[in-house]
Amino acid sequence: MASLRKFSESMLKYLSEPIKDKHAAFSPNFVNGKWRNPKFSLRRQADLRKMCLLNGVDPESIGLPPKVKKNALRQKPPKLHKEQRQYAEKKAKVEKALEDMPKKIMEWKENIRKEEEKTKSSLPF
């Protein structure tokens, strides 16, 4: 708790008197074909639980359900931007191309030499 809470007298009376219909007080109920809200909202249930802990009373003794631990969220990898997702493939492609680069350069130079020889005249001047 961030600050000291002052609880009202009406809330403090629930510590001394056990709640009669515990199920109806703390969870939604299906009555006459309709869902009824619980008597205590989740916020008020949390306040009751804090009040019990401050006054040294077991929260389950007044009828509060046991505190439910939340499940950890499923961890998904971040979506990222498209170029970030494709970075590994692109890097592998570039590395493969760099391995073949000396061979490609030699072929390119040969092609240029052949093209120059085609355009040279057979005359000596």
C-alpha atoms as a PDB file:
ATOM      1  CA  MET A   1       0.000   0.000   0.000  1.00  0.00           C
ATOM      2  CA  ALA A   2       1.297   3.387  -0.957  1.00  0.00           C
ATOM      3  CA  SER A   3      -0.412   5.282   1.841  1.00  0.00           C
ATOM      4  CA  LEU A   4      -2.152   4.639   5.133  1.00  0.00           C
ATOM      5  CA  ARG A   5      -5.794   3.755   4.514  1.00  0.00           C
ATOM      6  CA  LYS A   6      -8.634   4.682   6.825  1.00  0.00           C
ATOM      7  CA  PHE A   7     -11.473   2.214   6.583  1.00  0.00           C
ATOM      8  CA  SER A   8     -15.049   3.111   7.372  1.00  0.00           C
ATOM      9  CA  GLU A   9     -16.984   1.632  10.284  1.00  0.00           C
ATOM     10  CA  SER A  10     -19.239  -0.261   7.875  1.00  0.00           C
ATOM     11  CA  MET A  11     -16.191  -1.995   6.411  1.00  0.00           C
ATOM     12  CA  LEU A  12     -14.689  -2.719   9.826  1.00  0.00           C
ATOM     13  CA  LYS A  13     -17.844  -4.505  10.977  1.00  0.00           C
ATOM     14  CA  TYR A  14     -17.165  -7.264   8.431  1.00  0.00           C
ATOM     15  CA  LEU A  15     -14.057  -8.201  10.402  1.00  0.00           C
ATOM     16  CA  SER A  16     -16.039  -8.976  13.540  1.00  0.00           C
ATOM     17  CA  GLU A  17     -19.087 -10.616  11.928  1.00  0.00           C
ATOM     18  CA  PRO A  18     -18.609 -13.456   9.457  1.00  0.00           C
ATOM     19  CA  ILE A  19     -20.512 -12.944   6.207  1.00  0.00           C
ATOM     20  CA  LYS A  20     -23.605 -15.173   5.982  1.00  0.00           C
ATOM     21  CA  ASP A  21     -23.745 -16.053   2.285  1.00  0.00           C
ATOM     22  CA  LYS A  22     -20.086 -16.124   1.336  1.00  0.00           C
ATOM     23  CA  HIS A  23     -20.623 -17.303  -2.227  1.00  0.00           C
ATOM     24  CA  ALA A  24     -23.127 -14.537  -3.014  1.00  0.00           C
ATOM     25  CA  ALA A  25     -20.961 -11.909  -1.365  1.00  0.00           C
ATOM     26  CA  PHE A  26     -17.738 -12.549  -3.291  1.00  0.00           C
ATOM     27  CA  SER A  27     -18.641 -14.086  -6.673  1.00  0.00           C
ATOM     28  CA  PRO A  28     -21.282 -13.568  -9.377  1.00  0.00           C
ATOM     29  CA  ASN A  29     -24.444 -15.649  -8.968  1.00  0.00           C
ATOM     30  CA  PHE A  30     -26.933 -17.078 -11.449  1.00  0.00           C
ATOM     31  CA  VAL A  31     -30.364 -16.393  -9.915  1.00  0.00           C
ATOM     32  CA  ASN A  32     -33.700 -16.843 -11.743  1.00  0.00           C
ATOM     33  CA  GLY A  33     -32.017 -16.990 -15.138  1.00  0.00           C
ATOM     34  CA  LYS A  34     -29.990 -13.799 -14.580  1.00  0.00           C
ATOM     35  CA  TRP A  35     -26.459 -13.152 -13.440  1.00  0.00           C
ATOM     36  CA  ARG A  36     -26.238 -11.063 -10.268  1.00  0.00           C
ATOM     37  CA  ASN A  37     -23.169  -9.056  -9.359  1.00  0.00           C
ATOM     38  CA  PRO A  38     -21.347 -10.026  -6.155  1.00  0.00           C
ATOM     39  CA  LYS A  39     -22.134  -7.974  -3.058  1.00  0.00           C
ATOM     40  CA  PHE A  40     -18.490  -6.856  -2.864  1.00  0.00           C
ATOM     41  CA  SER A  41     -16.687  -5.701  -5.988  1.00  0.00           C
ATOM     42  CA  LEU A  42     -13.133  -6.853  -6.575  1.00  0.00           C
ATOM     43  CA  ARG A  43     -11.846  -3.471  -5.407  1.00  0.00           C
ATOM     44  CA  ARG A  44     -13.812  -3.749  -2.141  1.00  0.00           C
ATOM     45  CA  GLN A  45     -12.646  -7.363  -1.743  1.00  0.00           C
ATOM     46  CA  ALA A  46      -9.050  -6.145  -2.065  1.00  0.00           C
ATOM     47  CA  ASP A  47      -9.752  -3.459   0.543  1.00  0.00           C
ATOM     48  CA  LEU A  48     -11.226  -6.078   2.876  1.00  0.00           C
ATOM     49  CA  ARG A  49      -8.186  -8.296   2.377  1.00  0.00           C
ATOM     50  CA  LYS A  50      -5.829  -5.369   3.179  1.00  0.00           C
ATOM     51  CA  MET A  51      -7.903  -4.447   6.198  1.00  0.00           C
ATOM     52  CA  CYS A  52      -7.701  -8.036   7.474  1.00  0.00           C
ATOM     53  CA  LEU A  53      -3.935  -8.107   7.076  1.00  0.00           C
ATOM     54  CA  LEU A  54      -3.547  -4.771   8.892  1.00  0.00           C
ATOM     55  CA  ASN A  55      -5.723  -5.967  11.800  1.00  0.00           C
ATOM     56  CA  GLY A  56      -4.172  -9.440  12.050  1.00  0.00           C
ATOM     57  CA  VAL A  57      -7.247 -11.361  10.862  1.00  0.00           C
ATOM     58  CA  ASP A  58      -7.087 -14.240   8.396  1.00  0.00           C
ATOM     59  CA  PRO A  59      -8.958 -13.053   5.239  1.00  0.00           C
ATOM     60  CA  GLU A  60     -10.423 -16.521   4.641  1.00  0.00           C
ATOM     61  CA  SER A  61     -11.980 -16.541   8.125  1.00  0.00           C
ATOM     62  CA  ILE A  62     -14.456 -13.822   7.115  1.00  0.00           C
ATOM     63  CA  GLY A  63     -15.278 -15.632   3.891  1.00  0.00           C
ATOM     64  CA  LEU A  64     -12.911 -14.052   1.382  1.00  0.00           C
ATOM     65  CA  PRO A  65     -11.840 -16.512  -1.300  1.00  0.00           C
ATOM     66  CA  PRO A  66      -8.125 -17.380  -1.357  1.00  0.00           C
ATOM     67  CA  LYS A  67      -6.019 -14.912  -3.271  1.00  0.00           C
ATOM     68  CA  VAL A  68      -5.589 -16.045  -6.857  1.00  0.00           C
ATOM     69  CA  LYS A  69      -2.132 -15.741  -8.333  1.00  0.00           C
ATOM     70  CA  LYS A  70      -2.199 -14.440 -11.867  1.00  0.00           C
ATOM     71  CA  ASN A  71      -0.693 -16.594 -14.568  1.00  0.00           C
ATOM     72  CA  ALA A  72       2.353 -15.254 -16.288  1.00  0.00           C
ATOM     73  CA  LEU A  73       1.606 -13.822 -19.680  1.00  0.00           C
ATOM     74  CA  ARG A  74       2.619 -15.851 -22.679  1.00  0.00           C
ATOM     75  CA  GLN A  75       5.881 -14.514 -23.971  1.00  0.00           C
ATOM     76  CA  LYS A  76       5.778 -13.881 -27.688  1.00  0.00           C
ATOM     77  CA  PRO A  77       8.771 -12.557 -29.550  1.00  0.00           C
ATOM     78  CA  PRO A  78       8.334  -8.920 -30.506  1.00  0.00           C
ATOM     79  CA  LYS A  79       6.995  -8.379 -34.004  1.00  0.00           C
ATOM     80  CA  LEU A  80       9.636  -5.781 -34.949  1.00  0.00           C
ATOM     81  CA  HIS A  81       9.831  -4.006 -38.284  1.00  0.00           C
ATOM     82  CA  LYS A  82       9.994  -6.012 -41.492  1.00  0.00           C
ATOM     83  CA  GLU A  83      13.638  -5.156 -42.165  1.00  0.00           C
ATOM     84  CA  GLN A  84      14.558  -6.260 -38.634  1.00  0.00           C
ATOM     85  CA  ARG A  85      12.764  -9.602 -39.061  1.00  0.00           C
ATOM     86  CA  GLN A  86      14.502 -10.273 -42.380  1.00  0.00           C
ATOM     87  CA  TYR A  87      17.952  -9.131 -41.221  1.00  0.00           C
ATOM     88  CA  ALA A  88      19.355 -12.633 -40.589  1.00  0.00           C
ATOM     89  CA  GLU A  89      18.323 -13.954 -44.022  1.00  0.00           C
ATOM     90  CA  LYS A  90      19.704 -10.870 -45.735  1.00  0.00           C
ATOM     91  CA  LYS A  91      22.995 -11.111 -43.847  1.00  0.00           C
ATOM     92  CA  ALA A  92      23.397 -14.796 -44.801  1.00  0.00           C
ATOM     93  CA  LYS A  93      22.683 -13.950 -48.449  1.00  0.00           C
ATOM     94  CA  VAL A  94      25.307 -11.170 -48.447  1.00  0.00           C
ATOM     95  CA  GLU A  95      27.917 -13.416 -46.812  1.00  0.00           C
ATOM     96  CA  LYS A  96      27.292 -16.129 -49.427  1.00  0.00           C
ATOM     97  CA  ALA A  97      27.623 -13.548 -52.202  1.00  0.00           C
ATOM     98  CA  LEU A  98      30.905 -12.273 -50.706  1.00  0.00           C
ATOM     99  CA  GLU A  99      32.332 -15.810 -50.723  1.00  0.00           C
ATOM    100  CA  ASP A 100      31.697 -16.019 -54.488  1.00  0.00           C
ATOM    101  CA  MET A 101      32.951 -12.480 -55.125  1.00  0.00           C
ATOM    102  CA  PRO A 102      36.547 -13.261 -56.360  1.00  0.00           C
ATOM    103  CA  LYS A 103      35.131 -15.674 -58.947  1.00  0.00           C
ATOM    104  CA  LYS A 104      32.535 -13.118 -60.068  1.00  0.00           C
ATOM    105  CA  ILE A 105      35.158 -10.378 -60.375  1.00  0.00           C
ATOM    106  CA  MET A 106      37.362 -12.576 -62.568  1.00  0.00           C
ATOM    107  CA  GLU A 107      34.389 -13.433 -64.824  1.00  0.00           C
ATOM    108  CA  TRP A 108      33.437  -9.753 -65.047  1.00  0.00           C
ATOM    109  CA  LYS A 109      36.993  -8.745 -66.019  1.00  0.00           C
ATOM    110  CA  GLU A 110      37.108 -11.475 -68.664  1.00  0.00           C
ATOM    111  CA  ASN A 111      33.809 -10.301 -70.145  1.00  0.00           C
ATOM    112  CA  ILE A 112      35.074  -6.734 -70.305  1.00  0.00           C
ATOM    113  CA  ARG A 113      38.326  -7.898 -71.983  1.00  0.00           C
ATOM    114  CA  LYS A 114      36.331  -9.912 -74.555  1.00  0.00           C
ATOM    115  CA  GLU A 115      34.075  -6.926 -75.311  1.00  0.00           C
ATOM    116  CA  GLU A 116      37.101  -4.681 -75.793  1.00  0.00           C
ATOM    117  CA  GLU A 117      38.683  -7.193 -78.168  1.00  0.00           C
ATOM    118  CA  LYS A 118      35.485  -7.268 -80.252  1.00  0.00           C
ATOM    119  CA  THR A 119      35.534  -3.501 -80.680  1.00  0.00           C
ATOM    120  CA  LYS A 120      39.281  -3.295 -81.508  1.00  0.00           C
ATOM    121  CA  SER A 121      40.082  -2.912 -85.129  1.00  0.00           C
ATOM    122  CA  SER A 122      42.459  -5.274 -86.831  1.00  0.00           C
ATOM    123  CA  LEU A 123      44.436  -2.346 -88.282  1.00  0.00           C
ATOM    124  CA  PRO A 124      47.690  -1.508 -86.487  1.00  0.00           C
ATOM    125  CA  PHE A 125      47.047   2.267 -86.268  1.00  0.00           C
END
